[in-house]
């Protein structure tokens, strides 16, 4: 039941945000009674934190699988950037940054902040590896480039949702890969 509560809350947070995710909605989605919910969690903030942490952990796991997978550093970055995503649904972690209640609560914000810090750092490490291997020119700063790549992905979601067109997201990724290829050796 604990897992169903967490998974239901993850989905609701992604769909509706924190305010729109009521305990009643969580109970209905998970099939849990009020007693079950409060048996496993102290309340909505506690359950939301578990759900946000799970989404963040899942995001890091998928990214790490691609960034440490086979291929050259630039091939691994390309695999990460090009991975199939539901562009119109957006990023389950990135969307939380638009939720004022999540961002105002240091505990709820922490896994979001840590995930994006980790992702920028991890991408910067792979970019530095590409430079060290001679695959990428010495010009672009790995940390700044990593931050730009994360911004392109998150911004691509926003643009695709605004246009109701997943192709806009694909264009953002293609553009970033084109810019990165311009520095490849």
N, C-alpha and C. Protein backbone atom coordinates (compact mmCIF):
# COMPACT_ATOMS: atom_id res chain seq x y z
N UNK A 1 0.83 -1.19 0.00
CA UNK A 1 0.00 0.00 0.00
C UNK A 1 0.87 1.26 0.00
N UNK A 2 1.98 1.21 0.73
CA UNK A 2 2.90 2.36 0.77
C UNK A 2 3.36 2.71 -0.65
N UNK A 3 3.73 1.69 -1.44
CA UNK A 3 4.18 1.91 -2.81
C UNK A 3 3.08 2.50 -3.67
N UNK A 4 1.87 2.01 -3.52
CA UNK A 4 0.75 2.55 -4.31
C UNK A 4 0.50 4.01 -3.95
N UNK A 5 0.63 4.35 -2.69
CA UNK A 5 0.45 5.74 -2.26
C UNK A 5 1.53 6.64 -2.89
N UNK A 6 2.77 6.19 -2.86
CA UNK A 6 3.87 6.98 -3.42
C UNK A 6 3.69 7.14 -4.93
N UNK A 7 3.41 6.04 -5.63
CA UNK A 7 3.26 6.10 -7.08
C UNK A 7 2.06 6.96 -7.48
N UNK A 8 0.97 6.86 -6.76
CA UNK A 8 -0.21 7.68 -7.05
C UNK A 8 0.10 9.15 -6.83
N UNK A 9 0.83 9.45 -5.77
CA UNK A 9 1.19 10.84 -5.48
C UNK A 9 2.14 11.37 -6.54
N UNK A 10 3.08 10.56 -6.99
CA UNK A 10 3.99 10.98 -8.07
C UNK A 10 3.20 11.39 -9.31
N UNK A 11 2.28 10.55 -9.71
CA UNK A 11 1.47 10.84 -10.89
C UNK A 11 0.64 12.10 -10.70
N UNK A 12 0.01 12.24 -9.56
CA UNK A 12 -0.83 13.41 -9.30
C UNK A 12 0.00 14.69 -9.25
N UNK A 13 1.17 14.64 -8.64
CA UNK A 13 2.04 15.82 -8.62
C UNK A 13 2.43 16.22 -10.03
N UNK A 14 2.70 15.24 -10.87
CA UNK A 14 3.09 15.50 -12.25
C UNK A 14 1.92 16.11 -13.02
N UNK A 15 0.72 15.59 -12.77
CA UNK A 15 -0.47 16.06 -13.49
C UNK A 15 -1.03 17.38 -12.95
N UNK A 16 -1.08 17.49 -11.62
CA UNK A 16 -1.85 18.58 -10.99
C UNK A 16 -1.04 19.54 -10.14
N UNK A 17 0.19 19.18 -9.80
CA UNK A 17 0.96 20.00 -8.87
C UNK A 17 0.59 19.70 -7.43
N UNK A 18 1.27 20.37 -6.52
CA UNK A 18 1.10 20.09 -5.09
C UNK A 18 -0.29 20.48 -4.59
N UNK A 19 -0.74 21.70 -4.89
CA UNK A 19 -2.05 22.15 -4.40
C UNK A 19 -3.16 21.27 -4.95
N UNK A 20 -3.06 20.88 -6.22
CA UNK A 20 -4.09 20.06 -6.84
C UNK A 20 -4.06 18.60 -6.42
N UNK A 21 -3.07 18.23 -5.65
CA UNK A 21 -2.95 16.85 -5.18
C UNK A 21 -3.48 16.78 -3.75
N UNK A 22 -4.73 16.51 -3.63
CA UNK A 22 -5.36 16.45 -2.31
C UNK A 22 -5.23 15.04 -1.73
N UNK A 23 -5.29 14.93 -0.41
CA UNK A 23 -5.29 13.59 0.19
C UNK A 23 -6.41 12.71 -0.37
N UNK A 24 -7.57 13.31 -0.61
CA UNK A 24 -8.69 12.54 -1.16
C UNK A 24 -8.35 12.00 -2.56
N UNK A 25 -7.73 12.84 -3.40
CA UNK A 25 -7.33 12.40 -4.74
C UNK A 25 -6.29 11.27 -4.65
N UNK A 26 -5.37 11.40 -3.72
CA UNK A 26 -4.35 10.35 -3.54
C UNK A 26 -5.02 9.05 -3.13
N UNK A 27 -5.93 9.13 -2.19
CA UNK A 27 -6.63 7.93 -1.72
C UNK A 27 -7.43 7.30 -2.85
N UNK A 28 -8.12 8.11 -3.65
CA UNK A 28 -8.90 7.57 -4.76
C UNK A 28 -8.00 6.92 -5.80
N UNK A 29 -6.90 7.57 -6.15
CA UNK A 29 -6.00 7.04 -7.18
C UNK A 29 -5.34 5.74 -6.70
N UNK A 30 -4.95 5.71 -5.44
CA UNK A 30 -4.21 4.55 -4.92
C UNK A 30 -5.12 3.42 -4.43
N UNK A 31 -6.38 3.74 -4.19
CA UNK A 31 -7.28 2.75 -3.62
C UNK A 31 -7.08 2.57 -2.12
N UNK A 32 -6.39 3.51 -1.51
CA UNK A 32 -6.09 3.42 -0.07
C UNK A 32 -7.14 4.17 0.73
N UNK A 33 -7.39 3.69 1.90
CA UNK A 33 -8.27 4.41 2.81
C UNK A 33 -7.46 5.46 3.57
N UNK A 34 -8.19 6.35 4.22
CA UNK A 34 -7.53 7.42 4.99
C UNK A 34 -6.61 6.84 6.05
N UNK A 35 -7.05 5.78 6.70
CA UNK A 35 -6.24 5.15 7.75
C UNK A 35 -4.92 4.63 7.20
N UNK A 36 -4.97 4.02 6.02
CA UNK A 36 -3.75 3.50 5.39
C UNK A 36 -2.78 4.61 5.08
N UNK A 37 -3.31 5.70 4.53
CA UNK A 37 -2.44 6.82 4.17
C UNK A 37 -1.71 7.34 5.40
N UNK A 38 -2.46 7.54 6.47
CA UNK A 38 -1.85 8.12 7.67
C UNK A 38 -1.10 7.08 8.50
N UNK A 39 -1.28 5.81 8.18
CA UNK A 39 -0.47 4.77 8.81
C UNK A 39 0.96 4.84 8.27
N UNK A 40 1.08 5.10 6.97
CA UNK A 40 2.39 5.10 6.32
C UNK A 40 3.07 6.47 6.30
N UNK A 41 2.28 7.55 6.35
CA UNK A 41 2.84 8.90 6.23
C UNK A 41 2.17 9.82 7.24
N UNK A 42 2.94 10.80 7.73
CA UNK A 42 2.41 11.75 8.73
C UNK A 42 1.35 12.67 8.13
N UNK A 43 1.42 12.88 6.84
CA UNK A 43 0.47 13.76 6.18
C UNK A 43 0.88 13.99 4.74
N UNK A 44 0.17 14.87 4.08
CA UNK A 44 0.44 15.15 2.67
C UNK A 44 1.89 15.59 2.43
N UNK A 45 2.47 16.51 3.23
CA UNK A 45 3.86 16.91 2.96
C UNK A 45 4.84 15.73 3.02
N UNK A 46 4.64 14.84 3.97
CA UNK A 46 5.51 13.67 4.12
C UNK A 46 5.39 12.75 2.91
N UNK A 47 4.18 12.51 2.47
CA UNK A 47 3.94 11.66 1.30
C UNK A 47 4.47 12.34 0.04
N UNK A 48 4.25 13.63 -0.09
CA UNK A 48 4.75 14.37 -1.26
C UNK A 48 6.28 14.30 -1.31
N UNK A 49 6.93 14.43 -0.16
CA UNK A 49 8.39 14.35 -0.13
C UNK A 49 8.86 12.98 -0.61
N UNK A 50 8.20 11.92 -0.18
CA UNK A 50 8.57 10.57 -0.63
C UNK A 50 8.37 10.44 -2.13
N UNK A 51 7.29 11.01 -2.66
CA UNK A 51 7.00 10.93 -4.09
C UNK A 51 8.00 11.75 -4.89
N UNK A 52 8.32 12.96 -4.43
CA UNK A 52 9.28 13.81 -5.13
C UNK A 52 10.66 13.16 -5.11
N UNK A 53 11.05 12.62 -3.97
CA UNK A 53 12.34 11.95 -3.87
C UNK A 53 12.40 10.76 -4.81
N UNK A 54 11.32 10.01 -4.93
CA UNK A 54 11.29 8.87 -5.85
C UNK A 54 11.41 9.32 -7.30
N UNK A 55 10.70 10.38 -7.68
CA UNK A 55 10.80 10.90 -9.05
C UNK A 55 12.21 11.37 -9.34
N UNK A 56 12.82 12.05 -8.38
CA UNK A 56 14.18 12.54 -8.54
C UNK A 56 15.17 11.38 -8.68
N UNK A 57 14.99 10.37 -7.86
CA UNK A 57 15.86 9.19 -7.91
C UNK A 57 15.73 8.48 -9.26
N UNK A 58 14.52 8.37 -9.74
CA UNK A 58 14.28 7.72 -11.03
C UNK A 58 14.92 8.52 -12.17
N UNK A 59 14.79 9.83 -12.11
CA UNK A 59 15.38 10.69 -13.14
C UNK A 59 16.90 10.54 -13.15
N UNK A 60 17.51 10.55 -11.96
CA UNK A 60 18.97 10.38 -11.88
C UNK A 60 19.39 9.01 -12.38
N UNK A 61 18.63 7.99 -12.05
CA UNK A 61 18.97 6.63 -12.49
C UNK A 61 18.96 6.48 -14.00
N UNK A 62 17.93 7.01 -14.64
CA UNK A 62 17.86 6.94 -16.11
C UNK A 62 19.01 7.73 -16.74
N UNK A 63 19.26 8.93 -16.20
CA UNK A 63 20.34 9.75 -16.75
C UNK A 63 21.68 9.05 -16.57
N UNK A 64 21.91 8.48 -15.41
CA UNK A 64 23.19 7.82 -15.15
C UNK A 64 23.37 6.63 -16.07
N UNK A 65 22.32 5.88 -16.33
CA UNK A 65 22.42 4.72 -17.23
C UNK A 65 22.90 5.16 -18.61
N UNK A 66 22.41 6.28 -19.09
CA UNK A 66 22.81 6.76 -20.42
C UNK A 66 24.18 7.41 -20.39
N UNK A 67 24.45 8.18 -19.36
CA UNK A 67 25.72 8.91 -19.30
C UNK A 67 26.91 8.02 -18.97
N UNK A 68 26.66 6.86 -18.42
CA UNK A 68 27.77 5.93 -18.13
C UNK A 68 27.71 4.71 -19.04
N UNK A 69 26.82 4.73 -20.03
CA UNK A 69 26.67 3.60 -20.94
C UNK A 69 27.81 3.49 -21.93
N UNK A 70 27.61 2.68 -22.95
CA UNK A 70 28.66 2.48 -23.95
C UNK A 70 28.81 3.69 -24.87
N UNK A 71 29.95 3.78 -25.48
CA UNK A 71 30.20 4.83 -26.46
C UNK A 71 31.14 5.90 -25.94
N UNK A 72 31.46 6.82 -26.84
CA UNK A 72 32.32 7.94 -26.47
C UNK A 72 31.51 8.90 -25.60
N UNK A 73 32.19 9.82 -24.94
CA UNK A 73 31.44 10.79 -24.12
C UNK A 73 30.35 11.54 -24.90
N UNK A 74 30.66 12.01 -26.11
CA UNK A 74 29.64 12.73 -26.88
C UNK A 74 28.51 11.81 -27.33
N UNK A 75 28.80 10.56 -27.60
CA UNK A 75 27.75 9.60 -27.94
C UNK A 75 26.83 9.36 -26.74
N UNK A 76 27.41 9.31 -25.55
CA UNK A 76 26.60 9.11 -24.34
C UNK A 76 25.72 10.33 -24.06
N UNK A 77 26.29 11.53 -24.27
CA UNK A 77 25.49 12.74 -24.09
C UNK A 77 24.37 12.79 -25.13
N UNK A 78 24.67 12.41 -26.35
CA UNK A 78 23.65 12.37 -27.39
C UNK A 78 22.56 11.37 -27.03
N UNK A 79 22.94 10.21 -26.51
CA UNK A 79 21.94 9.22 -26.09
C UNK A 79 21.05 9.79 -24.99
N UNK A 80 21.65 10.49 -24.04
CA UNK A 80 20.86 11.10 -22.96
C UNK A 80 19.90 12.15 -23.51
N UNK A 81 20.41 13.06 -24.33
CA UNK A 81 19.58 14.14 -24.85
C UNK A 81 18.50 13.61 -25.79
N UNK A 82 18.80 12.57 -26.54
CA UNK A 82 17.88 12.06 -27.56
C UNK A 82 16.91 11.01 -27.04
N UNK A 83 17.05 10.63 -25.80
CA UNK A 83 16.17 9.59 -25.25
C UNK A 83 14.71 10.00 -25.45
N UNK A 84 13.89 9.01 -25.74
CA UNK A 84 12.46 9.29 -25.91
C UNK A 84 11.86 9.77 -24.60
N UNK A 85 11.16 10.90 -24.70
CA UNK A 85 10.49 11.49 -23.54
C UNK A 85 9.10 11.92 -23.95
N UNK A 86 8.22 12.02 -22.99
CA UNK A 86 6.87 12.52 -23.24
C UNK A 86 6.93 14.04 -23.14
N UNK A 87 7.29 14.67 -24.24
CA UNK A 87 7.55 16.12 -24.24
C UNK A 87 6.34 16.94 -23.83
N UNK A 88 5.16 16.50 -24.19
CA UNK A 88 3.97 17.28 -23.87
C UNK A 88 3.55 17.12 -22.40
N UNK A 89 4.00 16.08 -21.79
CA UNK A 89 3.71 15.89 -20.36
C UNK A 89 4.72 16.66 -19.50
N UNK A 90 5.91 16.82 -20.02
CA UNK A 90 6.94 17.55 -19.29
C UNK A 90 7.74 16.65 -18.37
N UNK A 91 8.71 17.24 -17.73
CA UNK A 91 9.58 16.52 -16.80
C UNK A 91 8.92 16.47 -15.43
N UNK A 92 8.81 15.29 -14.83
CA UNK A 92 8.16 15.20 -13.52
C UNK A 92 8.90 15.95 -12.42
N UNK A 93 10.19 16.13 -12.57
CA UNK A 93 10.95 16.88 -11.57
C UNK A 93 10.98 18.36 -11.95
N UNK A 94 11.24 18.64 -13.20
CA UNK A 94 11.30 20.03 -13.66
C UNK A 94 9.99 20.77 -13.47
N UNK A 95 8.88 20.08 -13.65
CA UNK A 95 7.58 20.74 -13.48
C UNK A 95 7.38 21.21 -12.05
N UNK A 96 8.01 20.57 -11.11
CA UNK A 96 7.88 20.97 -9.71
C UNK A 96 8.47 22.34 -9.43
N UNK A 97 9.41 22.77 -10.27
CA UNK A 97 10.01 24.10 -10.06
C UNK A 97 9.00 25.21 -10.31
N UNK A 98 7.94 24.91 -11.02
CA UNK A 98 6.88 25.89 -11.29
C UNK A 98 5.81 25.89 -10.21
N UNK A 99 5.95 25.01 -9.24
CA UNK A 99 4.96 24.89 -8.17
C UNK A 99 5.41 25.72 -6.98
N UNK A 100 4.75 26.85 -6.71
CA UNK A 100 5.21 27.73 -5.63
C UNK A 100 5.21 27.06 -4.26
N UNK A 101 4.29 26.13 -4.03
CA UNK A 101 4.26 25.46 -2.72
C UNK A 101 5.45 24.53 -2.53
N UNK A 102 5.88 23.88 -3.59
CA UNK A 102 7.05 23.01 -3.51
C UNK A 102 8.31 23.86 -3.32
N UNK A 103 8.43 24.93 -4.11
CA UNK A 103 9.63 25.76 -4.03
C UNK A 103 9.71 26.54 -2.72
N UNK A 104 8.60 26.82 -2.09
CA UNK A 104 8.60 27.57 -0.82
C UNK A 104 8.95 26.69 0.37
N UNK A 105 8.86 25.38 0.20
CA UNK A 105 9.13 24.45 1.30
C UNK A 105 10.52 23.86 1.11
N UNK A 106 11.48 24.20 1.98
CA UNK A 106 12.86 23.71 1.81
C UNK A 106 12.97 22.19 1.71
N UNK A 107 12.14 21.46 2.44
CA UNK A 107 12.20 20.00 2.40
C UNK A 107 11.72 19.45 1.07
N UNK A 108 10.64 20.01 0.55
CA UNK A 108 10.12 19.54 -0.74
C UNK A 108 11.01 19.99 -1.89
N UNK A 109 11.62 21.16 -1.77
CA UNK A 109 12.48 21.68 -2.82
C UNK A 109 13.82 20.93 -2.88
N UNK A 110 14.29 20.45 -1.75
CA UNK A 110 15.62 19.84 -1.67
C UNK A 110 15.88 18.75 -2.72
N UNK A 111 15.01 17.73 -2.88
CA UNK A 111 15.33 16.72 -3.90
C UNK A 111 15.33 17.26 -5.32
N UNK A 112 14.51 18.29 -5.58
CA UNK A 112 14.49 18.91 -6.90
C UNK A 112 15.83 19.61 -7.15
N UNK A 113 16.22 20.42 -6.20
CA UNK A 113 17.49 21.15 -6.31
C UNK A 113 18.67 20.20 -6.42
N UNK A 114 18.70 19.18 -5.58
CA UNK A 114 19.81 18.22 -5.60
C UNK A 114 19.88 17.46 -6.92
N UNK A 115 18.74 17.15 -7.49
CA UNK A 115 18.72 16.41 -8.75
C UNK A 115 19.29 17.24 -9.88
N UNK A 116 18.88 18.51 -9.97
CA UNK A 116 19.41 19.34 -11.04
C UNK A 116 20.88 19.67 -10.82
N UNK A 117 21.31 19.81 -9.59
CA UNK A 117 22.73 20.01 -9.31
C UNK A 117 23.51 18.78 -9.74
N UNK A 118 23.00 17.60 -9.37
CA UNK A 118 23.65 16.35 -9.76
C UNK A 118 23.74 16.25 -11.28
N UNK A 119 22.64 16.54 -11.98
CA UNK A 119 22.62 16.39 -13.43
C UNK A 119 23.61 17.33 -14.10
N UNK A 120 23.65 18.58 -13.65
CA UNK A 120 24.61 19.52 -14.24
C UNK A 120 26.04 19.06 -13.99
N UNK A 121 26.31 18.59 -12.79
CA UNK A 121 27.65 18.12 -12.43
C UNK A 121 28.02 16.88 -13.23
N UNK A 122 27.07 15.97 -13.39
CA UNK A 122 27.34 14.73 -14.12
C UNK A 122 27.60 15.00 -15.60
N UNK A 123 26.77 15.87 -16.19
CA UNK A 123 26.98 16.24 -17.59
C UNK A 123 28.32 16.95 -17.76
N UNK A 124 28.66 17.83 -16.83
CA UNK A 124 29.94 18.54 -16.90
C UNK A 124 31.10 17.54 -16.86
N UNK A 125 30.98 16.50 -16.05
CA UNK A 125 32.04 15.49 -15.97
C UNK A 125 32.20 14.76 -17.30
N UNK A 126 31.09 14.43 -17.95
CA UNK A 126 31.17 13.73 -19.24
C UNK A 126 31.73 14.67 -20.31
N UNK A 127 31.33 15.93 -20.26
CA UNK A 127 31.90 16.92 -21.20
C UNK A 127 33.40 17.10 -20.97
N UNK A 128 33.82 17.13 -19.72
CA UNK A 128 35.25 17.24 -19.41
C UNK A 128 35.99 16.01 -19.92
N UNK A 129 35.35 14.85 -19.81
CA UNK A 129 35.94 13.62 -20.34
C UNK A 129 36.10 13.72 -21.86
N UNK A 130 35.10 14.29 -22.52
CA UNK A 130 35.17 14.47 -23.97
C UNK A 130 36.33 15.41 -24.35
N UNK A 131 36.53 16.44 -23.56
CA UNK A 131 37.66 17.36 -23.80
C UNK A 131 38.98 16.64 -23.59
N UNK A 132 39.08 15.90 -22.50
CA UNK A 132 40.33 15.19 -22.18
C UNK A 132 40.65 14.15 -23.23
N UNK A 133 39.63 13.54 -23.82
CA UNK A 133 39.83 12.53 -24.86
C UNK A 133 40.08 13.15 -26.23
N UNK A 134 40.00 14.48 -26.33
CA UNK A 134 40.19 15.15 -27.60
C UNK A 134 38.97 15.10 -28.51
N UNK A 135 37.86 14.65 -27.99
CA UNK A 135 36.62 14.56 -28.78
C UNK A 135 35.92 15.91 -28.88
N UNK A 136 36.18 16.77 -27.91
CA UNK A 136 35.54 18.08 -27.84
C UNK A 136 36.63 19.14 -27.72
N UNK A 137 36.48 20.22 -28.45
CA UNK A 137 37.46 21.31 -28.40
C UNK A 137 37.56 21.87 -26.99
N UNK A 138 38.69 22.49 -26.71
CA UNK A 138 38.94 23.04 -25.37
C UNK A 138 38.11 24.29 -25.08
N UNK A 139 37.46 24.87 -26.07
CA UNK A 139 36.75 26.14 -25.90
C UNK A 139 35.61 26.15 -24.91
N UNK A 140 34.56 25.36 -25.10
CA UNK A 140 33.40 25.49 -24.22
C UNK A 140 33.69 24.98 -22.80
N UNK A 141 33.26 25.75 -21.82
CA UNK A 141 33.41 25.35 -20.42
C UNK A 141 32.43 24.21 -20.12
N UNK A 142 32.90 23.08 -19.60
CA UNK A 142 32.00 21.96 -19.34
C UNK A 142 30.84 22.29 -18.39
N UNK A 143 31.11 23.06 -17.33
CA UNK A 143 30.03 23.37 -16.39
C UNK A 143 28.97 24.27 -17.04
N UNK A 144 29.42 25.27 -17.77
CA UNK A 144 28.47 26.16 -18.44
C UNK A 144 27.71 25.42 -19.53
N UNK A 145 28.37 24.56 -20.26
CA UNK A 145 27.72 23.80 -21.32
C UNK A 145 26.72 22.82 -20.72
N UNK A 146 27.08 22.18 -19.63
CA UNK A 146 26.15 21.25 -18.96
C UNK A 146 24.90 21.99 -18.50
N UNK A 147 25.08 23.18 -17.93
CA UNK A 147 23.93 23.97 -17.49
C UNK A 147 23.06 24.34 -18.68
N UNK A 148 23.68 24.71 -19.79
CA UNK A 148 22.92 25.05 -21.00
C UNK A 148 22.14 23.84 -21.52
N UNK A 149 22.74 22.66 -21.47
CA UNK A 149 22.04 21.46 -21.95
C UNK A 149 20.82 21.14 -21.09
N UNK A 150 20.97 21.26 -19.78
CA UNK A 150 19.82 21.03 -18.90
C UNK A 150 18.74 22.08 -19.17
N UNK A 151 19.17 23.31 -19.38
CA UNK A 151 18.20 24.39 -19.67
C UNK A 151 17.48 24.13 -20.99
N UNK A 152 18.17 23.60 -21.98
CA UNK A 152 17.53 23.28 -23.26
C UNK A 152 16.47 22.20 -23.06
N UNK A 153 16.80 21.16 -22.32
CA UNK A 153 15.81 20.10 -22.10
C UNK A 153 14.58 20.64 -21.38
N UNK A 154 14.80 21.34 -20.28
CA UNK A 154 13.67 21.85 -19.51
C UNK A 154 12.89 22.90 -20.30
N UNK A 155 13.60 23.77 -20.98
CA UNK A 155 12.94 24.77 -21.82
C UNK A 155 12.23 24.14 -23.00
N UNK A 156 12.78 23.06 -23.52
CA UNK A 156 12.13 22.34 -24.61
C UNK A 156 10.78 21.80 -24.20
N UNK A 157 10.69 21.30 -22.97
CA UNK A 157 9.39 20.85 -22.45
C UNK A 157 8.40 22.00 -22.42
N UNK A 158 8.84 23.14 -21.92
CA UNK A 158 7.96 24.30 -21.81
C UNK A 158 7.47 24.74 -23.18
N UNK A 159 8.39 24.84 -24.14
CA UNK A 159 8.01 25.27 -25.48
C UNK A 159 7.07 24.27 -26.15
N UNK A 160 7.34 22.99 -25.98
CA UNK A 160 6.49 21.96 -26.58
C UNK A 160 5.08 22.00 -25.98
N UNK A 161 5.01 22.16 -24.67
CA UNK A 161 3.69 22.24 -24.02
C UNK A 161 2.95 23.49 -24.47
N UNK A 162 3.64 24.61 -24.59
CA UNK A 162 3.00 25.85 -25.02
C UNK A 162 2.47 25.73 -26.45
N UNK A 163 3.19 25.03 -27.30
CA UNK A 163 2.78 24.87 -28.70
C UNK A 163 1.89 23.64 -28.90
N UNK A 164 1.75 22.82 -27.85
CA UNK A 164 1.03 21.54 -27.97
C UNK A 164 1.60 20.71 -29.12
N UNK A 165 2.94 20.71 -29.20
CA UNK A 165 3.61 20.05 -30.31
C UNK A 165 4.95 19.48 -29.83
N UNK A 166 5.03 18.18 -29.76
CA UNK A 166 6.26 17.52 -29.29
C UNK A 166 7.44 17.79 -30.22
N UNK A 167 7.18 18.13 -31.45
CA UNK A 167 8.25 18.41 -32.41
C UNK A 167 9.10 19.60 -31.96
N UNK A 168 8.49 20.53 -31.25
CA UNK A 168 9.23 21.70 -30.75
C UNK A 168 10.32 21.24 -29.78
N UNK A 169 9.99 20.26 -28.94
CA UNK A 169 10.98 19.69 -28.02
C UNK A 169 12.12 19.05 -28.82
N UNK A 170 11.76 18.27 -29.83
CA UNK A 170 12.78 17.61 -30.66
C UNK A 170 13.68 18.64 -31.33
N UNK A 171 13.11 19.77 -31.77
CA UNK A 171 13.92 20.82 -32.37
C UNK A 171 14.91 21.41 -31.36
N UNK A 172 14.47 21.59 -30.13
CA UNK A 172 15.37 22.11 -29.08
C UNK A 172 16.55 21.16 -28.88
N UNK A 173 16.27 19.87 -28.80
CA UNK A 173 17.34 18.88 -28.63
C UNK A 173 18.25 18.87 -29.84
N UNK A 174 17.67 18.88 -31.04
CA UNK A 174 18.48 18.89 -32.26
C UNK A 174 19.38 20.14 -32.29
N UNK A 175 18.83 21.27 -31.88
CA UNK A 175 19.62 22.49 -31.86
C UNK A 175 20.79 22.39 -30.90
N UNK A 176 20.55 21.84 -29.72
CA UNK A 176 21.63 21.68 -28.74
C UNK A 176 22.70 20.73 -29.26
N UNK A 177 22.26 19.64 -29.88
CA UNK A 177 23.23 18.68 -30.43
C UNK A 177 24.03 19.32 -31.57
N UNK A 178 23.39 20.16 -32.36
CA UNK A 178 24.09 20.86 -33.43
C UNK A 178 25.15 21.80 -32.89
N UNK A 179 24.80 22.51 -31.83
CA UNK A 179 25.78 23.41 -31.21
C UNK A 179 26.95 22.63 -30.62
N UNK A 180 26.62 21.51 -29.98
CA UNK A 180 27.67 20.67 -29.40
C UNK A 180 28.56 20.10 -30.51
N UNK A 181 27.95 19.67 -31.61
CA UNK A 181 28.72 19.10 -32.73
C UNK A 181 29.67 20.14 -33.33
N UNK A 182 29.30 21.40 -33.24
CA UNK A 182 30.17 22.47 -33.75
C UNK A 182 31.48 22.58 -32.98
N UNK A 183 31.53 21.99 -31.80
CA UNK A 183 32.75 22.01 -30.99
C UNK A 183 33.46 20.67 -30.97
N UNK A 184 32.88 19.69 -31.69
CA UNK A 184 33.50 18.37 -31.74
C UNK A 184 34.73 18.41 -32.64
N UNK A 185 35.68 17.55 -32.32
CA UNK A 185 36.92 17.50 -33.12
C UNK A 185 36.96 16.21 -33.90
